[in-house]
């Protein structure tokens, strides 16, 4: 076979993979947008899709005051916050699994979500003594403790070297530490405060606002270009640490930088809506099974799958809850298990 023919075949194979990734990405974007729209349509007021669409197009001060108020004050902030949180968790899980080379890595399994839960519980118990606006207190506390957990793991990595094993063990230690602190606060809390803490830990979109959507959106606008700037290095790392080093990648520095960004994104995601598990674990596996290991395609795919998962979970939560809305964190955990099993069956048990 001539060299020219080999080059032509390689080019054709690359173009075919690129077309496939573009088609899959377009399909995932359509799924994400459709899930968000269905989430906005579904609700206890039983508005028709046409009414909801008219209210969206008319703006917050449209002619149908009731529809505009429901859509713009309640449903849109909730749906946008949920979608953006899903994107953040999906991308965060994808980056963590890449830098740690661990298929079980996610913001939930490595302690970031537990740290956020502890911060929220702390604010709920002792918030009256802190001079901060009430609606901002719990998210701010969850955000700060999540970043503190990241700094703790980062400090361990700096002392012992930022290897994947050190980061994983540090994350597991942080997980158990903050889960124990959560349990201590719940043991000490009064029944009324305990109920608030447990509800926050379930993960819910009921308290989502335009502010929460804006905070998560701004965090993603900052983080995504930085993630994509490292896409080539992360793809090389995914192929093996030795391979990445042979290509000139500073693996330890890349891990630390990505780890800090993941903590920032996770903190913003869970600060307003509470602990939502399984999204950061399942979305990356689904993305890799669809578009492969190229981070330029896998990262957006994981984000869109994560967003669609939370939007779909929100729809299910409204449908199965009757008059009450089931916390979305419960639904993602229940639905995430069969999705992960399906991915495992499709890939023959290979999840790395």
C-alpha atoms as a PDB file:
ATOM      1  CA  UNK A   1       0.000   0.000   0.000  1.00  0.00           C
ATOM      2  CA  UNK A   2       1.437   3.343  -1.031  1.00  0.00           C
ATOM      3  CA  UNK A   3       2.058   6.142   1.453  1.00  0.00           C
ATOM      4  CA  UNK A   4      -0.372   8.424  -0.390  1.00  0.00           C
ATOM      5  CA  UNK A   5      -3.139   5.822  -0.113  1.00  0.00           C
ATOM      6  CA  UNK A   6      -2.480   5.371   3.621  1.00  0.00           C
ATOM      7  CA  UNK A   7      -2.677   9.126   4.166  1.00  0.00           C
ATOM      8  CA  UNK A   8      -5.941   9.284   2.204  1.00  0.00           C
ATOM      9  CA  UNK A   9      -7.433   6.461   4.270  1.00  0.00           C
ATOM     10  CA  UNK A  10      -6.372   8.087   7.525  1.00  0.00           C
ATOM     11  CA  UNK A  11      -7.850  11.396   6.409  1.00  0.00           C
ATOM     12  CA  UNK A  12     -11.113   9.722   5.416  1.00  0.00           C
ATOM     13  CA  UNK A  13     -11.274   7.908   8.778  1.00  0.00           C
ATOM     14  CA  UNK A  14     -10.625  11.157  10.669  1.00  0.00           C
ATOM     15  CA  UNK A  15     -13.290  13.028   8.688  1.00  0.00           C
ATOM     16  CA  UNK A  16     -15.767  10.205   9.270  1.00  0.00           C
ATOM     17  CA  UNK A  17     -15.149  10.336  13.048  1.00  0.00           C
ATOM     18  CA  UNK A  18     -15.460  14.101  13.006  1.00  0.00           C
ATOM     19  CA  UNK A  19     -18.813  13.945  11.190  1.00  0.00           C
ATOM     20  CA  UNK A  20     -20.014  11.334  13.678  1.00  0.00           C
ATOM     21  CA  UNK A  21     -19.007  13.499  16.643  1.00  0.00           C
ATOM     22  CA  UNK A  22     -20.677  16.554  15.155  1.00  0.00           C
ATOM     23  CA  UNK A  23     -23.881  14.611  14.513  1.00  0.00           C
ATOM     24  CA  UNK A  24     -23.898  13.174  18.036  1.00  0.00           C
ATOM     25  CA  UNK A  25     -23.161  16.596  19.552  1.00  0.00           C
ATOM     26  CA  UNK A  26     -26.016  18.152  17.577  1.00  0.00           C
ATOM     27  CA  UNK A  27     -28.343  15.386  18.755  1.00  0.00           C
ATOM     28  CA  UNK A  28     -27.287  15.882  22.379  1.00  0.00           C
ATOM     29  CA  UNK A  29     -27.819  19.632  22.104  1.00  0.00           C
ATOM     30  CA  UNK A  30     -31.298  19.024  20.713  1.00  0.00           C
ATOM     31  CA  UNK A  31     -32.032  16.556  23.527  1.00  0.00           C
ATOM     32  CA  UNK A  32     -30.837  19.072  26.123  1.00  0.00           C
ATOM     33  CA  UNK A  33     -32.940  21.926  24.729  1.00  0.00           C
ATOM     34  CA  UNK A  34     -36.011  19.687  24.368  1.00  0.00           C
ATOM     35  CA  UNK A  35     -35.628  18.410  27.951  1.00  0.00           C
ATOM     36  CA  UNK A  36     -35.363  21.982  29.218  1.00  0.00           C
ATOM     37  CA  UNK A  37     -38.505  23.023  27.322  1.00  0.00           C
ATOM     38  CA  UNK A  38     -40.483  20.044  28.631  1.00  0.00           C
ATOM     39  CA  UNK A  39     -39.296  20.924  32.136  1.00  0.00           C
ATOM     40  CA  UNK A  40     -40.647  24.456  31.679  1.00  0.00           C
ATOM     41  CA  UNK A  41     -43.975  23.166  30.336  1.00  0.00           C
ATOM     42  CA  UNK A  42     -44.627  20.607  33.102  1.00  0.00           C
ATOM     43  CA  UNK A  43     -45.995  22.000  36.346  1.00  0.00           C
ATOM     44  CA  UNK A  44     -48.950  22.010  38.731  1.00  0.00           C
ATOM     45  CA  UNK A  45     -50.691  24.865  36.901  1.00  0.00           C
ATOM     46  CA  UNK A  46     -51.166  22.653  33.795  1.00  0.00           C
ATOM     47  CA  UNK A  47     -50.476  25.328  31.175  1.00  0.00           C
ATOM     48  CA  UNK A  48     -50.422  24.238  27.537  1.00  0.00           C
ATOM     49  CA  UNK A  49     -47.137  24.278  25.578  1.00  0.00           C
ATOM     50  CA  UNK A  50     -48.503  27.102  23.416  1.00  0.00           C
ATOM     51  CA  UNK A  51     -49.283  29.215  26.475  1.00  0.00           C
ATOM     52  CA  UNK A  52     -45.826  28.610  27.915  1.00  0.00           C
ATOM     53  CA  UNK A  53     -44.156  29.459  24.602  1.00  0.00           C
ATOM     54  CA  UNK A  54     -46.219  32.653  24.273  1.00  0.00           C
ATOM     55  CA  UNK A  55     -45.267  33.652  27.810  1.00  0.00           C
ATOM     56  CA  UNK A  56     -41.575  33.084  27.072  1.00  0.00           C
ATOM     57  CA  UNK A  57     -41.704  35.110  23.870  1.00  0.00           C
ATOM     58  CA  UNK A  58     -43.771  37.898  25.444  1.00  0.00           C
ATOM     59  CA  UNK A  59     -41.288  38.425  28.262  1.00  0.00           C
ATOM     60  CA  UNK A  60     -41.837  38.833  32.009  1.00  0.00           C
ATOM     61  CA  UNK A  61     -44.447  41.552  31.481  1.00  0.00           C
ATOM     62  CA  UNK A  62     -46.564  39.871  28.807  1.00  0.00           C
ATOM     63  CA  UNK A  63     -50.312  40.341  28.375  1.00  0.00           C
ATOM     64  CA  UNK A  64     -51.126  37.116  30.254  1.00  0.00           C
ATOM     65  CA  UNK A  65     -49.949  38.225  33.697  1.00  0.00           C
ATOM     66  CA  UNK A  66     -50.537  34.884  35.430  1.00  0.00           C
ATOM     67  CA  UNK A  67     -48.709  32.854  32.771  1.00  0.00           C
ATOM     68  CA  UNK A  68     -45.829  35.346  32.601  1.00  0.00           C
ATOM     69  CA  UNK A  69     -45.389  35.312  36.373  1.00  0.00           C
ATOM     70  CA  UNK A  70     -45.400  31.499  36.588  1.00  0.00           C
ATOM     71  CA  UNK A  71     -43.012  31.057  33.665  1.00  0.00           C
ATOM     72  CA  UNK A  72     -40.568  33.900  34.344  1.00  0.00           C
ATOM     73  CA  UNK A  73     -40.550  33.905  38.142  1.00  0.00           C
ATOM     74  CA  UNK A  74     -40.732  30.160  38.840  1.00  0.00           C
ATOM     75  CA  UNK A  75     -40.295  27.781  35.916  1.00  0.00           C
ATOM     76  CA  UNK A  76     -37.577  29.458  33.843  1.00  0.00           C
ATOM     77  CA  UNK A  77     -35.180  30.096  36.770  1.00  0.00           C
ATOM     78  CA  UNK A  78     -35.679  26.525  37.973  1.00  0.00           C
ATOM     79  CA  UNK A  79     -35.175  24.957  34.537  1.00  0.00           C
ATOM     80  CA  UNK A  80     -32.161  27.128  33.657  1.00  0.00           C
ATOM     81  CA  UNK A  81     -30.513  26.536  37.011  1.00  0.00           C
ATOM     82  CA  UNK A  82     -31.081  22.788  36.714  1.00  0.00           C
ATOM     83  CA  UNK A  83     -29.733  22.658  33.170  1.00  0.00           C
ATOM     84  CA  UNK A  84     -26.644  24.710  34.034  1.00  0.00           C
ATOM     85  CA  UNK A  85     -26.002  22.661  37.177  1.00  0.00           C
ATOM     86  CA  UNK A  86     -26.227  19.489  35.079  1.00  0.00           C
ATOM     87  CA  UNK A  87     -23.714  20.911  32.588  1.00  0.00           C
ATOM     88  CA  UNK A  88     -21.373  21.861  35.429  1.00  0.00           C
ATOM     89  CA  UNK A  89     -21.580  18.466  37.142  1.00  0.00           C
ATOM     90  CA  UNK A  90     -21.217  16.537  33.877  1.00  0.00           C
ATOM     91  CA  UNK A  91     -18.107  18.497  32.901  1.00  0.00           C
ATOM     92  CA  UNK A  92     -16.672  18.341  36.414  1.00  0.00           C
ATOM     93  CA  UNK A  93     -17.074  14.562  36.493  1.00  0.00           C
ATOM     94  CA  UNK A  94     -15.490  14.230  33.071  1.00  0.00           C
ATOM     95  CA  UNK A  95     -12.443  16.253  34.098  1.00  0.00           C
ATOM     96  CA  UNK A  96     -12.038  14.416  37.398  1.00  0.00           C
ATOM     97  CA  UNK A  97     -12.177  11.004  35.738  1.00  0.00           C
ATOM     98  CA  UNK A  98      -9.587  12.197  33.217  1.00  0.00           C
ATOM     99  CA  UNK A  99      -7.005  13.672  35.573  1.00  0.00           C
ATOM    100  CA  UNK A 100      -7.381  10.846  38.102  1.00  0.00           C
ATOM    101  CA  UNK A 101      -7.709   8.028  35.556  1.00  0.00           C
ATOM    102  CA  UNK A 102     -10.469   6.654  37.762  1.00  0.00           C
ATOM    103  CA  UNK A 103     -13.912   5.674  36.406  1.00  0.00           C
ATOM    104  CA  UNK A 104     -15.486   6.217  39.850  1.00  0.00           C
ATOM    105  CA  UNK A 105     -14.268   9.801  40.252  1.00  0.00           C
ATOM    106  CA  UNK A 106     -16.911  12.515  40.463  1.00  0.00           C
ATOM    107  CA  UNK A 107     -17.626  15.587  42.602  1.00  0.00           C
ATOM    108  CA  UNK A 108     -19.970  13.417  44.680  1.00  0.00           C
ATOM    109  CA  UNK A 109     -17.669  10.440  45.276  1.00  0.00           C
ATOM    110  CA  UNK A 110     -14.581  12.528  46.092  1.00  0.00           C
ATOM    111  CA  UNK A 111     -16.050  14.704  48.792  1.00  0.00           C
ATOM    112  CA  UNK A 112     -16.884  18.048  47.191  1.00  0.00           C
ATOM    113  CA  UNK A 113     -20.630  17.541  47.498  1.00  0.00           C
ATOM    114  CA  UNK A 114     -20.224  16.341  51.102  1.00  0.00           C
ATOM    115  CA  UNK A 115     -18.262  19.504  51.892  1.00  0.00           C
ATOM    116  CA  UNK A 116     -21.032  21.621  50.383  1.00  0.00           C
ATOM    117  CA  UNK A 117     -23.592  19.741  52.474  1.00  0.00           C
ATOM    118  CA  UNK A 118     -21.630  20.423  55.637  1.00  0.00           C
ATOM    119  CA  UNK A 119     -21.390  24.126  54.806  1.00  0.00           C
ATOM    120  CA  UNK A 120     -25.106  24.340  54.152  1.00  0.00           C
ATOM    121  CA  UNK A 121     -25.936  22.482  57.378  1.00  0.00           C
ATOM    122  CA  UNK A 122     -23.617  24.801  59.297  1.00  0.00           C
ATOM    123  CA  UNK A 123     -25.378  27.860  57.879  1.00  0.00           C
ATOM    124  CA  UNK A 124     -28.839  26.440  58.576  1.00  0.00           C
ATOM    125  CA  UNK A 125     -27.938  25.712  62.205  1.00  0.00           C
ATOM    126  CA  UNK A 126     -26.012  28.883  63.059  1.00  0.00           C
ATOM    127  CA  UNK A 127     -27.093  31.292  60.341  1.00  0.00           C
ATOM    128  CA  UNK A 128     -28.905  33.651  62.709  1.00  0.00           C
ATOM    129  CA  UNK A 129     -25.572  34.668  64.238  1.00  0.00           C
ATOM    130  CA  UNK A 130     -23.970  35.530  60.887  1.00  0.00           C
ATOM    131  CA  UNK A 131     -24.583  39.032  59.437  1.00  0.00           C
ATOM    132  CA  UNK A 132     -25.412  37.980  55.885  1.00  0.00           C
ATOM    133  CA  UNK A 133     -28.510  38.198  53.716  1.00  0.00           C
ATOM    134  CA  UNK A 134     -30.720  35.188  54.448  1.00  0.00           C
ATOM    135  CA  UNK A 135     -31.115  33.857  50.902  1.00  0.00           C
ATOM    136  CA  UNK A 136     -27.361  34.138  50.312  1.00  0.00           C
ATOM    137  CA  UNK A 137     -26.173  32.547  53.542  1.00  0.00           C
ATOM    138  CA  UNK A 138     -26.614  28.852  52.745  1.00  0.00           C
ATOM    139  CA  UNK A 139     -25.214  29.023  49.160  1.00  0.00           C
ATOM    140  CA  UNK A 140     -22.254  31.136  50.304  1.00  0.00           C
ATOM    141  CA  UNK A 141     -21.440  28.733  53.130  1.00  0.00           C
ATOM    142  CA  UNK A 142     -21.717  25.701  50.821  1.00  0.00           C
ATOM    143  CA  UNK A 143     -19.474  27.446  48.271  1.00  0.00           C
ATOM    144  CA  UNK A 144     -16.810  28.293  50.857  1.00  0.00           C
ATOM    145  CA  UNK A 145     -16.662  24.808  52.391  1.00  0.00           C
ATOM    146  CA  UNK A 146     -16.423  23.207  48.950  1.00  0.00           C
ATOM    147  CA  UNK A 147     -13.432  25.380  48.104  1.00  0.00           C
ATOM    148  CA  UNK A 148     -11.977  24.578  51.550  1.00  0.00           C
ATOM    149  CA  UNK A 149     -12.248  20.857  50.729  1.00  0.00           C
ATOM    150  CA  UNK A 150     -10.448  21.488  47.449  1.00  0.00           C
ATOM    151  CA  UNK A 151      -7.667  23.390  49.236  1.00  0.00           C
ATOM    152  CA  UNK A 152      -7.318  20.537  51.728  1.00  0.00           C
ATOM    153  CA  UNK A 153      -6.875  17.956  48.970  1.00  0.00           C
ATOM    154  CA  UNK A 154      -4.666  20.364  47.026  1.00  0.00           C
ATOM    155  CA  UNK A 155      -2.457  20.857  50.094  1.00  0.00           C
ATOM    156  CA  UNK A 156      -2.072  17.089  50.502  1.00  0.00           C
ATOM    157  CA  UNK A 157      -1.163  16.822  46.829  1.00  0.00           C
ATOM    158  CA  UNK A 158       1.436  19.580  47.158  1.00  0.00           C
ATOM    159  CA  UNK A 159       3.063  17.818  50.096  1.00  0.00           C
ATOM    160  CA  UNK A 160       3.065  14.329  48.616  1.00  0.00           C
ATOM    161  CA  UNK A 161       3.118  15.073  44.882  1.00  0.00           C
ATOM    162  CA  UNK A 162       0.055  15.475  42.692  1.00  0.00           C
ATOM    163  CA  UNK A 163      -0.248  11.865  41.581  1.00  0.00           C
ATOM    164  CA  UNK A 164      -3.638  10.395  40.744  1.00  0.00           C
ATOM    165  CA  UNK A 165      -3.453   8.060  43.738  1.00  0.00           C
ATOM    166  CA  UNK A 166      -2.773  10.907  46.189  1.00  0.00           C
ATOM    167  CA  UNK A 167      -5.633  13.002  44.834  1.00  0.00           C
ATOM    168  CA  UNK A 168      -8.054  10.073  44.976  1.00  0.00           C
ATOM    169  CA  UNK A 169      -7.088   9.115  48.522  1.00  0.00           C
ATOM    170  CA  UNK A 170      -7.226  12.761  49.584  1.00  0.00           C
ATOM    171  CA  UNK A 171     -10.690  13.096  48.074  1.00  0.00           C
ATOM    172  CA  UNK A 172     -11.922   9.951  49.832  1.00  0.00           C
ATOM    173  CA  UNK A 173     -10.544  11.238  53.146  1.00  0.00           C
ATOM    174  CA  UNK A 174     -12.360  14.543  52.592  1.00  0.00           C
ATOM    175  CA  UNK A 175     -15.562  12.656  51.756  1.00  0.00           C
ATOM    176  CA  UNK A 176     -15.530  10.727  55.043  1.00  0.00           C
ATOM    177  CA  UNK A 177     -14.502  13.796  57.037  1.00  0.00           C
ATOM    178  CA  UNK A 178     -17.344  15.995  55.827  1.00  0.00           C
ATOM    179  CA  UNK A 179     -19.886  13.187  55.955  1.00  0.00           C
ATOM    180  CA  UNK A 180     -18.945  12.676  59.601  1.00  0.00           C
ATOM    181  CA  UNK A 181     -19.262  16.415  60.283  1.00  0.00           C
ATOM    182  CA  UNK A 182     -22.661  16.401  58.544  1.00  0.00           C
ATOM    183  CA  UNK A 183     -23.797  13.541  60.765  1.00  0.00           C
ATOM    184  CA  UNK A 184     -22.589  15.386  63.865  1.00  0.00           C
ATOM    185  CA  UNK A 185     -24.583  18.499  62.973  1.00  0.00           C
ATOM    186  CA  UNK A 186     -27.678  16.430  62.235  1.00  0.00           C
ATOM    187  CA  UNK A 187     -27.303  14.672  65.599  1.00  0.00           C
ATOM    188  CA  UNK A 188     -27.101  18.017  67.411  1.00  0.00           C
ATOM    189  CA  UNK A 189     -29.826  19.793  65.428  1.00  0.00           C
ATOM    190  CA  UNK A 190     -33.361  20.377  66.637  1.00  0.00           C
ATOM    191  CA  UNK A 191     -36.146  18.562  64.714  1.00  0.00           C
ATOM    192  CA  UNK A 192     -37.074  21.721  62.767  1.00  0.00           C
ATOM    193  CA  UNK A 193     -33.472  22.460  61.761  1.00  0.00           C
ATOM    194  CA  UNK A 194     -32.826  18.789  60.999  1.00  0.00           C
ATOM    195  CA  UNK A 195     -35.722  18.801  58.543  1.00  0.00           C
ATOM    196  CA  UNK A 196     -34.232  21.783  56.695  1.00  0.00           C
ATOM    197  CA  UNK A 197     -30.783  20.179  56.568  1.00  0.00           C
ATOM    198  CA  UNK A 198     -32.084  16.873  55.251  1.00  0.00           C
ATOM    199  CA  UNK A 199     -34.193  18.611  52.595  1.00  0.00           C
ATOM    200  CA  UNK A 200     -31.142  20.550  51.375  1.00  0.00           C
ATOM    201  CA  UNK A 201     -29.082  17.369  51.237  1.00  0.00           C
ATOM    202  CA  UNK A 202     -31.721  15.730  49.033  1.00  0.00           C
ATOM    203  CA  UNK A 203     -30.962  18.215  46.237  1.00  0.00           C
ATOM    204  CA  UNK A 204     -33.845  20.356  45.023  1.00  0.00           C
ATOM    205  CA  UNK A 205     -34.521  23.046  42.410  1.00  0.00           C
ATOM    206  CA  UNK A 206     -37.381  24.612  44.370  1.00  0.00           C
ATOM    207  CA  UNK A 207     -35.219  27.470  45.644  1.00  0.00           C
ATOM    208  CA  UNK A 208     -33.604  28.201  42.286  1.00  0.00           C
ATOM    209  CA  UNK A 209     -33.678  31.857  41.226  1.00  0.00           C
ATOM    210  CA  UNK A 210     -32.322  34.019  38.453  1.00  0.00           C
ATOM    211  CA  UNK A 211     -29.376  34.743  40.737  1.00  0.00           C
ATOM    212  CA  UNK A 212     -28.494  31.057  41.042  1.00  0.00           C
ATOM    213  CA  UNK A 213     -28.727  30.611  37.270  1.00  0.00           C
ATOM    214  CA  UNK A 214     -26.510  33.678  36.743  1.00  0.00           C
ATOM    215  CA  UNK A 215     -23.853  32.530  39.220  1.00  0.00           C
ATOM    216  CA  UNK A 216     -23.577  29.066  37.662  1.00  0.00           C
ATOM    217  CA  UNK A 217     -23.597  30.546  34.140  1.00  0.00           C
ATOM    218  CA  UNK A 218     -20.792  33.006  34.929  1.00  0.00           C
ATOM    219  CA  UNK A 219     -18.725  30.230  36.526  1.00  0.00           C
ATOM    220  CA  UNK A 220     -19.134  28.089  33.414  1.00  0.00           C
ATOM    221  CA  UNK A 221     -18.240  31.004  31.134  1.00  0.00           C
ATOM    222  CA  UNK A 222     -14.970  31.353  33.054  1.00  0.00           C
ATOM    223  CA  UNK A 223     -14.185  27.641  33.396  1.00  0.00           C
ATOM    224  CA  UNK A 224     -15.141  26.173  30.010  1.00  0.00           C
ATOM    225  CA  UNK A 225     -12.563  28.124  27.928  1.00  0.00           C
ATOM    226  CA  UNK A 226      -9.883  27.101  30.438  1.00  0.00           C
ATOM    227  CA  UNK A 227     -10.973  23.467  30.204  1.00  0.00           C
ATOM    228  CA  UNK A 228     -10.936  23.604  26.400  1.00  0.00           C
ATOM    229  CA  UNK A 229      -7.534  25.294  26.375  1.00  0.00           C
ATOM    230  CA  UNK A 230      -6.188  22.142  28.028  1.00  0.00           C
ATOM    231  CA  UNK A 231      -8.181  19.749  25.837  1.00  0.00           C
ATOM    232  CA  UNK A 232      -5.132  18.475  23.937  1.00  0.00           C
ATOM    233  CA  UNK A 233      -3.168  17.885  27.175  1.00  0.00           C
ATOM    234  CA  UNK A 234      -6.141  16.179  28.827  1.00  0.00           C
ATOM    235  CA  UNK A 235      -6.636  13.931  25.795  1.00  0.00           C
ATOM    236  CA  UNK A 236      -2.972  12.963  25.967  1.00  0.00           C
ATOM    237  CA  UNK A 237      -3.309  12.268  29.701  1.00  0.00           C
ATOM    238  CA  UNK A 238      -6.337  10.091  29.023  1.00  0.00           C
ATOM    239  CA  UNK A 239      -4.114   7.914  26.847  1.00  0.00           C
ATOM    240  CA  UNK A 240      -1.719   7.363  29.754  1.00  0.00           C
ATOM    241  CA  UNK A 241       0.493   9.387  32.077  1.00  0.00           C
ATOM    242  CA  UNK A 242       3.707   8.154  30.470  1.00  0.00           C
ATOM    243  CA  UNK A 243       2.359   8.986  27.019  1.00  0.00           C
ATOM    244  CA  UNK A 244       1.415  12.508  28.148  1.00  0.00           C
ATOM    245  CA  UNK A 245       4.834  13.124  29.666  1.00  0.00           C
ATOM    246  CA  UNK A 246       6.534  11.940  26.473  1.00  0.00           C
ATOM    247  CA  UNK A 247       4.592  14.662  24.634  1.00  0.00           C
ATOM    248  CA  UNK A 248       5.843  17.339  27.018  1.00  0.00           C
ATOM    249  CA  UNK A 249       2.797  17.637  29.282  1.00  0.00           C
ATOM    250  CA  UNK A 250       3.491  18.746  32.870  1.00  0.00           C
ATOM    251  CA  UNK A 251       1.104  16.197  34.378  1.00  0.00           C
ATOM    252  CA  UNK A 252       1.320  17.340  38.013  1.00  0.00           C
ATOM    253  CA  UNK A 253       0.651  20.965  37.101  1.00  0.00           C
ATOM    254  CA  UNK A 254      -2.201  19.980  34.765  1.00  0.00           C
ATOM    255  CA  UNK A 255      -3.821  17.901  37.529  1.00  0.00           C
ATOM    256  CA  UNK A 256      -3.615  20.708  40.085  1.00  0.00           C
ATOM    257  CA  UNK A 257      -4.968  23.338  37.686  1.00  0.00           C
ATOM    258  CA  UNK A 258      -7.859  21.158  36.543  1.00  0.00           C
ATOM    259  CA  UNK A 259      -8.629  20.066  40.105  1.00  0.00           C
ATOM    260  CA  UNK A 260      -9.014  23.677  41.258  1.00  0.00           C
ATOM    261  CA  UNK A 261     -11.267  24.517  38.300  1.00  0.00           C
ATOM    262  CA  UNK A 262     -13.406  21.444  38.992  1.00  0.00           C
ATOM    263  CA  UNK A 263     -13.798  22.527  42.606  1.00  0.00           C
ATOM    264  CA  UNK A 264     -14.881  26.010  41.531  1.00  0.00           C
ATOM    265  CA  UNK A 265     -17.450  24.655  39.070  1.00  0.00           C
ATOM    266  CA  UNK A 266     -18.764  22.098  41.562  1.00  0.00           C
ATOM    267  CA  UNK A 267     -19.027  24.679  44.339  1.00  0.00           C
ATOM    268  CA  UNK A 268     -21.111  26.975  42.159  1.00  0.00           C
ATOM    269  CA  UNK A 269     -23.273  24.068  40.972  1.00  0.00           C
ATOM    270  CA  UNK A 270     -24.211  22.582  44.333  1.00  0.00           C
ATOM    271  CA  UNK A 271     -24.268  25.787  46.404  1.00  0.00           C
ATOM    272  CA  UNK A 272     -27.822  26.696  45.381  1.00  0.00           C
ATOM    273  CA  UNK A 273     -29.490  23.352  44.705  1.00  0.00           C
ATOM    274  CA  UNK A 274     -27.931  20.978  47.224  1.00  0.00           C
ATOM    275  CA  UNK A 275     -26.344  17.575  46.803  1.00  0.00           C
ATOM    276  CA  UNK A 276     -27.122  15.933  43.466  1.00  0.00           C
ATOM    277  CA  UNK A 277     -25.329  12.656  42.875  1.00  0.00           C
ATOM    278  CA  UNK A 278     -24.777  10.338  39.925  1.00  0.00           C
ATOM    279  CA  UNK A 279     -24.810  13.068  37.239  1.00  0.00           C
ATOM    280  CA  UNK A 280     -21.066  13.664  37.488  1.00  0.00           C
ATOM    281  CA  UNK A 281     -20.470   9.917  37.493  1.00  0.00           C
ATOM    282  CA  UNK A 282     -22.778   8.754  34.693  1.00  0.00           C
ATOM    283  CA  UNK A 283     -22.584  11.632  32.176  1.00  0.00           C
ATOM    284  CA  UNK A 284     -18.840  11.219  31.404  1.00  0.00           C
ATOM    285  CA  UNK A 285     -19.206   7.480  30.750  1.00  0.00           C
ATOM    286  CA  UNK A 286     -22.158   8.116  28.447  1.00  0.00           C
ATOM    287  CA  UNK A 287     -20.232  10.853  26.623  1.00  0.00           C
ATOM    288  CA  UNK A 288     -17.159   8.690  26.051  1.00  0.00           C
ATOM    289  CA  UNK A 289     -19.297   5.813  24.782  1.00  0.00           C
ATOM    290  CA  UNK A 290     -20.842   8.166  22.209  1.00  0.00           C
ATOM    291  CA  UNK A 291     -17.967  10.379  21.000  1.00  0.00           C
ATOM    292  CA  UNK A 292     -14.746   8.758  22.203  1.00  0.00           C
ATOM    293  CA  UNK A 293     -11.847  10.191  24.176  1.00  0.00           C
ATOM    294  CA  UNK A 294     -11.148  13.470  22.347  1.00  0.00           C
ATOM    295  CA  UNK A 295     -11.747  16.098  25.031  1.00  0.00           C
ATOM    296  CA  UNK A 296     -12.901  18.656  22.471  1.00  0.00           C
ATOM    297  CA  UNK A 297     -15.969  16.481  21.899  1.00  0.00           C
ATOM    298  CA  UNK A 298     -16.226  14.566  25.180  1.00  0.00           C
ATOM    299  CA  UNK A 299     -16.335  17.612  27.463  1.00  0.00           C
ATOM    300  CA  UNK A 300     -19.322  19.336  25.749  1.00  0.00           C
ATOM    301  CA  UNK A 301     -21.068  15.983  25.363  1.00  0.00           C
ATOM    302  CA  UNK A 302     -20.713  15.228  29.091  1.00  0.00           C
ATOM    303  CA  UNK A 303     -22.088  18.679  29.880  1.00  0.00           C
ATOM    304  CA  UNK A 304     -25.121  18.325  27.638  1.00  0.00           C
ATOM    305  CA  UNK A 305     -25.863  14.820  28.918  1.00  0.00           C
ATOM    306  CA  UNK A 306     -25.620  16.108  32.492  1.00  0.00           C
ATOM    307  CA  UNK A 307     -27.974  18.982  31.698  1.00  0.00           C
ATOM    308  CA  UNK A 308     -30.461  16.666  30.010  1.00  0.00           C
ATOM    309  CA  UNK A 309     -30.282  14.263  32.980  1.00  0.00           C
ATOM    310  CA  UNK A 310     -31.249  16.938  35.505  1.00  0.00           C
ATOM    311  CA  UNK A 311     -33.941  18.393  33.232  1.00  0.00           C
ATOM    312  CA  UNK A 312     -35.386  14.917  32.724  1.00  0.00           C
ATOM    313  CA  UNK A 313     -35.150  14.196  36.440  1.00  0.00           C
ATOM    314  CA  UNK A 314     -36.997  17.457  37.155  1.00  0.00           C
ATOM    315  CA  UNK A 315     -39.793  16.420  34.800  1.00  0.00           C
ATOM    316  CA  UNK A 316     -40.064  13.005  36.467  1.00  0.00           C
ATOM    317  CA  UNK A 317     -40.017  14.626  39.910  1.00  0.00           C
ATOM    318  CA  UNK A 318     -43.032  16.746  38.973  1.00  0.00           C
ATOM    319  CA  UNK A 319     -44.919  13.844  37.421  1.00  0.00           C
ATOM    320  CA  UNK A 320     -44.442  11.286  40.194  1.00  0.00           C
ATOM    321  CA  UNK A 321     -44.817  13.712  43.075  1.00  0.00           C
ATOM    322  CA  UNK A 322     -48.436  14.615  42.461  1.00  0.00           C
ATOM    323  CA  UNK A 323     -49.074  17.833  44.341  1.00  0.00           C
ATOM    324  CA  UNK A 324     -45.563  17.845  45.852  1.00  0.00           C
ATOM    325  CA  UNK A 325     -42.339  17.999  43.838  1.00  0.00           C
ATOM    326  CA  UNK A 326     -39.916  15.192  44.690  1.00  0.00           C
ATOM    327  CA  UNK A 327     -36.349  16.507  45.238  1.00  0.00           C
ATOM    328  CA  UNK A 328     -34.455  16.098  41.992  1.00  0.00           C
ATOM    329  CA  UNK A 329     -31.438  14.565  43.745  1.00  0.00           C
ATOM    330  CA  UNK A 330     -33.515  11.533  44.680  1.00  0.00           C
ATOM    331  CA  UNK A 331     -34.662  11.052  41.085  1.00  0.00           C
ATOM    332  CA  UNK A 332     -31.151  11.348  39.600  1.00  0.00           C
ATOM    333  CA  UNK A 333     -29.898   8.659  41.979  1.00  0.00           C
ATOM    334  CA  UNK A 334     -32.762   6.287  41.120  1.00  0.00           C
ATOM    335  CA  UNK A 335     -32.561   6.891  37.370  1.00  0.00           C
ATOM    336  CA  UNK A 336     -28.759   7.005  37.294  1.00  0.00           C
ATOM    337  CA  UNK A 337     -28.347   3.406  38.419  1.00  0.00           C
ATOM    338  CA  UNK A 338     -30.049   1.750  35.393  1.00  0.00           C
ATOM    339  CA  UNK A 339     -28.353   4.234  33.041  1.00  0.00           C
ATOM    340  CA  UNK A 340     -24.943   3.269  34.425  1.00  0.00           C
ATOM    341  CA  UNK A 341     -25.822  -0.434  34.159  1.00  0.00           C
ATOM    342  CA  UNK A 342     -26.878   0.104  30.530  1.00  0.00           C
ATOM    343  CA  UNK A 343     -23.543   1.780  29.762  1.00  0.00           C
ATOM    344  CA  UNK A 344     -21.671  -1.072  31.439  1.00  0.00           C
ATOM    345  CA  UNK A 345     -23.595  -3.669  29.423  1.00  0.00           C
ATOM    346  CA  UNK A 346     -22.984  -1.793  26.177  1.00  0.00           C
ATOM    347  CA  UNK A 347     -19.248  -1.463  26.811  1.00  0.00           C
ATOM    348  CA  UNK A 348     -18.810  -4.980  28.069  1.00  0.00           C
ATOM    349  CA  UNK A 349     -17.918  -3.890  31.579  1.00  0.00           C
ATOM    350  CA  UNK A 350     -15.077  -1.543  30.536  1.00  0.00           C
ATOM    351  CA  UNK A 351     -15.639   1.791  32.226  1.00  0.00           C
ATOM    352  CA  UNK A 352     -12.139   3.207  32.309  1.00  0.00           C
END
